[in-house]
Amino acid sequence: MRKLYLLVIFIFSGITLNAQNSFEGIIEYEIVYSNYDAQYESAIAMQPTYTLIEYKNGISRTTMPNMAGKTIILTQNSTGKVITLLDLMGMKYGVRSNFDIENTETPKIQYTEGKKDILGYICKKAILEEDDISYEVYYTEEIKTFSDANFGFQIPGTPLEVKATNELYTVIHKATNIEQKNLEPIKMIIPSDYEEKTEEELRKELGGM
């Protein structure tokens, strides 16, 4: 289930990339897992069931609580800098990375006639694939939270529902609350009680998940 854990992190690190200044507030998503073998039941129970994304002045903070602790992803739009903070059963790690959208390969996107109302917003449907994962995305152009590079897939709107499927499981992220409001500044820092690691070091730490 390590792959599932990293998939959830990947999806929401992608969601927070390229946040624009036109929206300040929060979007909350529920996360639902399905189509998995019974042997993974206990591992699924450890995964996050909701996430909160905050936007302020071109910086976003994604918080995903789970039974082991929580994951926080900080993203700065103007620089492409990303800080991932992991709290796993009391072990706290901070990892710095960068996202280069211009040099990221874009998968083929199929825009369909499908539409869905989510929280009062009319969402259009897009289908795409990357590696062994198929994505079904419902996005709205009514909320100017994201640029034209959502998920690194260049979807022209804000995703309010994302269904990710591979041969082992299905993960659905669906917005449950959207609130525009003033927030405190979001700081791109690793707190002093987190141990800073490289991405390679973190992969070794998570190797047993």
Protein backbone atom coordinates (compact mmCIF):
# COMPACT_ATOMS: atom_id res chain seq x y z
CA MET A 1 0.00 0.00 0.00
CA ARG A 2 3.01 2.30 -0.07
CA LYS A 3 2.05 3.04 -3.70
CA LEU A 4 -1.44 4.10 -2.62
CA TYR A 5 -0.02 6.43 0.05
CA LEU A 6 2.28 8.07 -2.49
CA LEU A 7 -0.57 8.31 -5.03
CA VAL A 8 -2.70 10.33 -2.61
CA ILE A 9 0.22 12.66 -1.89
CA PHE A 10 0.93 12.99 -5.63
CA ILE A 11 -2.64 13.97 -6.47
CA PHE A 12 -2.80 16.72 -3.88
CA SER A 13 0.69 18.04 -4.51
CA GLY A 14 -0.51 18.37 -8.10
CA ILE A 15 -3.72 20.09 -7.09
CA THR A 16 -1.86 22.77 -5.16
CA LEU A 17 0.60 23.57 -7.94
CA ASN A 18 0.12 26.83 -9.84
CA ALA A 19 -2.37 28.38 -7.45
CA GLN A 20 -3.24 31.90 -8.59
CA ASN A 21 -3.80 35.00 -6.46
CA SER A 22 -7.43 35.42 -7.54
CA PHE A 23 -8.80 33.07 -4.87
CA GLU A 24 -8.15 33.29 -1.14
CA GLY A 25 -9.79 30.74 1.09
CA ILE A 26 -10.19 26.99 1.48
CA ILE A 27 -11.38 23.95 -0.44
CA GLU A 28 -12.11 20.73 1.45
CA TYR A 29 -12.21 17.31 -0.20
CA GLU A 30 -13.37 13.92 1.03
CA ILE A 31 -11.30 10.90 -0.05
CA VAL A 32 -13.02 7.57 -0.72
CA TYR A 33 -11.27 4.27 -1.52
CA SER A 34 -12.86 1.34 -3.37
CA ASN A 35 -12.22 -1.71 -5.57
CA TYR A 36 -9.35 -3.01 -3.44
CA ASP A 37 -8.62 -6.55 -2.28
CA ALA A 38 -9.67 -7.48 1.26
CA GLN A 39 -6.03 -8.05 2.22
CA TYR A 40 -5.47 -4.28 1.98
CA GLU A 41 -8.29 -3.40 4.41
CA SER A 42 -6.01 -2.47 7.31
CA ALA A 43 -3.69 -0.45 5.08
CA ILE A 44 -6.64 1.46 3.58
CA ALA A 45 -7.78 2.33 7.10
CA MET A 46 -4.48 4.18 7.62
CA GLN A 47 -4.97 6.44 4.60
CA PRO A 48 -6.37 10.00 4.80
CA THR A 49 -10.14 10.36 4.40
CA TYR A 50 -10.24 14.10 3.75
CA THR A 51 -7.98 16.99 2.89
CA LEU A 52 -8.04 20.74 3.40
CA ILE A 53 -6.36 23.12 0.92
CA GLU A 54 -5.74 26.75 1.91
CA TYR A 55 -4.79 29.49 -0.60
CA LYS A 56 -3.14 32.81 0.22
CA ASN A 57 -1.09 35.14 -2.01
CA GLY A 58 0.10 32.48 -4.46
CA ILE A 59 0.98 29.96 -1.75
CA SER A 60 -1.09 26.92 -0.86
CA ARG A 61 -1.10 24.58 2.13
CA THR A 62 -2.64 21.12 1.81
CA THR A 63 -3.31 19.22 5.04
CA MET A 64 -4.18 15.49 5.00
CA PRO A 65 -4.74 13.89 8.43
CA ASN A 66 -4.60 10.09 8.77
CA MET A 67 -4.44 7.48 11.52
CA ALA A 68 -0.63 7.67 11.59
CA GLY A 69 -0.45 11.48 11.77
CA LYS A 70 -0.74 13.94 8.90
CA THR A 71 0.86 15.19 5.71
CA ILE A 72 1.19 18.90 4.86
CA ILE A 73 2.21 20.11 1.39
CA LEU A 74 3.30 23.74 0.94
CA THR A 75 3.53 25.08 -2.61
CA GLN A 76 4.72 28.47 -3.87
CA ASN A 77 3.40 29.27 -7.34
CA SER A 78 5.92 31.91 -8.38
CA THR A 79 8.99 29.74 -7.71
CA GLY A 80 7.66 26.18 -8.09
CA LYS A 81 9.04 25.36 -4.64
CA VAL A 82 7.34 22.58 -2.68
CA ILE A 83 7.80 21.58 0.96
CA THR A 84 6.30 18.29 2.14
CA LEU A 85 5.90 17.80 5.90
CA LEU A 86 5.24 14.25 7.08
CA ASP A 87 4.16 13.36 10.62
CA LEU A 88 4.13 9.55 10.76
CA MET A 89 3.46 8.12 14.21
CA GLY A 90 5.53 10.85 15.82
CA MET A 91 8.34 10.78 13.27
CA LYS A 92 8.43 14.18 11.56
CA TYR A 93 10.20 14.77 8.25
CA GLY A 94 10.45 17.80 5.97
CA VAL A 95 11.41 17.51 2.30
CA ARG A 96 12.12 20.32 -0.18
CA SER A 97 11.49 19.87 -3.90
CA ASN A 98 10.75 21.87 -7.03
CA PHE A 99 8.15 21.48 -9.73
CA ASP A 100 9.08 22.48 -13.27
CA ILE A 101 5.83 22.55 -15.23
CA GLU A 102 7.53 23.65 -18.45
CA ASN A 103 9.69 20.52 -18.57
CA THR A 104 7.02 18.08 -17.39
CA GLU A 105 5.62 15.72 -20.01
CA THR A 106 1.91 16.28 -20.50
CA PRO A 107 -0.31 13.24 -21.02
CA LYS A 108 -3.03 13.19 -23.66
CA ILE A 109 -6.26 14.71 -22.34
CA GLN A 110 -9.68 13.75 -23.63
CA TYR A 111 -12.34 16.39 -23.03
CA THR A 112 -15.84 14.95 -23.02
CA GLU A 113 -19.42 16.22 -23.05
CA GLY A 114 -19.93 15.00 -19.50
CA LYS A 115 -20.97 17.54 -16.86
CA LYS A 116 -21.73 17.40 -13.15
CA ASP A 117 -22.98 19.85 -10.52
CA ILE A 118 -20.67 19.91 -7.51
CA LEU A 119 -21.52 22.32 -4.68
CA GLY A 120 -23.45 24.48 -7.13
CA TYR A 121 -20.62 24.69 -9.67
CA ILE A 122 -21.04 23.24 -13.15
CA CYS A 123 -18.04 20.98 -13.78
CA LYS A 124 -16.78 19.69 -17.11
CA LYS A 125 -15.25 16.24 -17.52
CA ALA A 126 -11.76 15.30 -18.68
CA ILE A 127 -10.15 11.86 -18.96
CA LEU A 128 -6.42 11.18 -19.03
CA GLU A 129 -3.83 8.55 -18.24
CA GLU A 130 -0.33 8.65 -16.78
CA ASP A 131 1.81 5.57 -16.20
CA ASP A 132 -0.60 2.88 -14.95
CA ILE A 133 -3.17 5.32 -13.53
CA SER A 134 -6.34 6.49 -15.25
CA TYR A 135 -7.85 9.82 -14.16
CA GLU A 136 -11.41 11.07 -14.49
CA VAL A 137 -11.52 14.75 -13.57
CA TYR A 138 -14.48 17.07 -13.11
CA TYR A 139 -13.31 20.68 -13.11
CA THR A 140 -14.98 24.07 -12.98
CA GLU A 141 -13.92 27.21 -14.79
CA GLU A 142 -15.97 29.32 -12.37
CA ILE A 143 -13.35 29.26 -9.59
CA LYS A 144 -10.05 30.94 -10.48
CA THR A 145 -7.96 28.96 -8.04
CA PHE A 146 -5.68 27.20 -10.49
CA SER A 147 -3.83 28.11 -13.65
CA ASP A 148 -3.99 26.08 -16.85
CA ALA A 149 -1.56 23.51 -15.46
CA ASN A 150 -3.65 21.69 -12.85
CA PHE A 151 -2.10 18.40 -11.75
CA GLY A 152 0.66 19.18 -14.23
CA PHE A 153 -1.91 18.06 -16.82
CA GLN A 154 -2.89 21.53 -18.13
CA ILE A 155 -6.58 21.18 -17.31
CA PRO A 156 -8.23 24.63 -17.71
CA GLY A 157 -10.09 24.85 -14.41
CA THR A 158 -10.30 23.93 -10.75
CA PRO A 159 -10.75 20.18 -10.12
CA LEU A 160 -13.64 19.51 -7.73
CA GLU A 161 -13.65 15.74 -8.24
CA VAL A 162 -10.80 13.42 -9.24
CA LYS A 163 -11.15 9.67 -9.69
CA ALA A 164 -7.82 7.83 -9.93
CA THR A 165 -7.87 4.13 -10.87
CA ASN A 166 -5.27 1.43 -11.40
CA GLU A 167 -5.30 -2.36 -11.21
CA LEU A 168 -5.23 -2.41 -7.41
CA TYR A 169 -7.69 0.25 -6.23
CA THR A 170 -9.73 3.36 -6.95
CA VAL A 171 -9.35 6.67 -5.08
CA ILE A 172 -11.94 9.45 -5.41
CA HIS A 173 -11.38 12.99 -4.16
CA LYS A 174 -14.50 15.15 -4.12
CA ALA A 175 -14.93 18.72 -2.88
CA THR A 176 -17.29 19.02 0.07
CA ASN A 177 -16.79 22.68 1.00
CA ILE A 178 -15.53 25.82 -0.75
CA GLU A 179 -15.13 28.97 1.29
CA GLN A 180 -13.63 32.28 0.19
CA LYS A 181 -12.24 34.13 3.20
CA ASN A 182 -9.19 35.97 4.52
CA LEU A 183 -6.43 33.72 5.85
CA GLU A 184 -3.26 34.22 7.85
CA PRO A 185 -0.07 34.24 5.70
CA ILE A 186 1.25 30.80 4.76
CA LYS A 187 4.98 30.40 5.42
CA MET A 188 7.24 28.26 3.23
CA ILE A 189 9.33 26.84 6.07
CA ILE A 190 10.16 23.49 7.66
CA PRO A 191 9.32 23.75 11.40
CA SER A 192 12.15 23.21 13.85
CA ASP A 193 10.64 19.98 15.19
CA TYR A 194 10.77 18.35 11.72
CA GLU A 195 13.91 16.57 10.50
CA GLU A 196 14.84 17.76 7.01
CA LYS A 197 15.59 15.00 4.52
CA THR A 198 16.23 14.69 0.80
CA GLU A 199 13.69 12.94 -1.43
CA GLU A 200 16.00 9.92 -1.67
CA GLU A 201 16.39 9.71 2.09
CA LEU A 202 12.62 9.91 2.51
CA ARG A 203 12.04 7.12 0.00
CA LYS A 204 14.31 4.91 2.07
CA GLU A 205 12.43 5.83 5.25
CA LEU A 206 9.09 4.98 3.63
CA GLY A 207 10.37 1.81 2.02
CA GLY A 208 8.59 -0.40 4.50
CA MET A 209 5.16 1.21 4.07
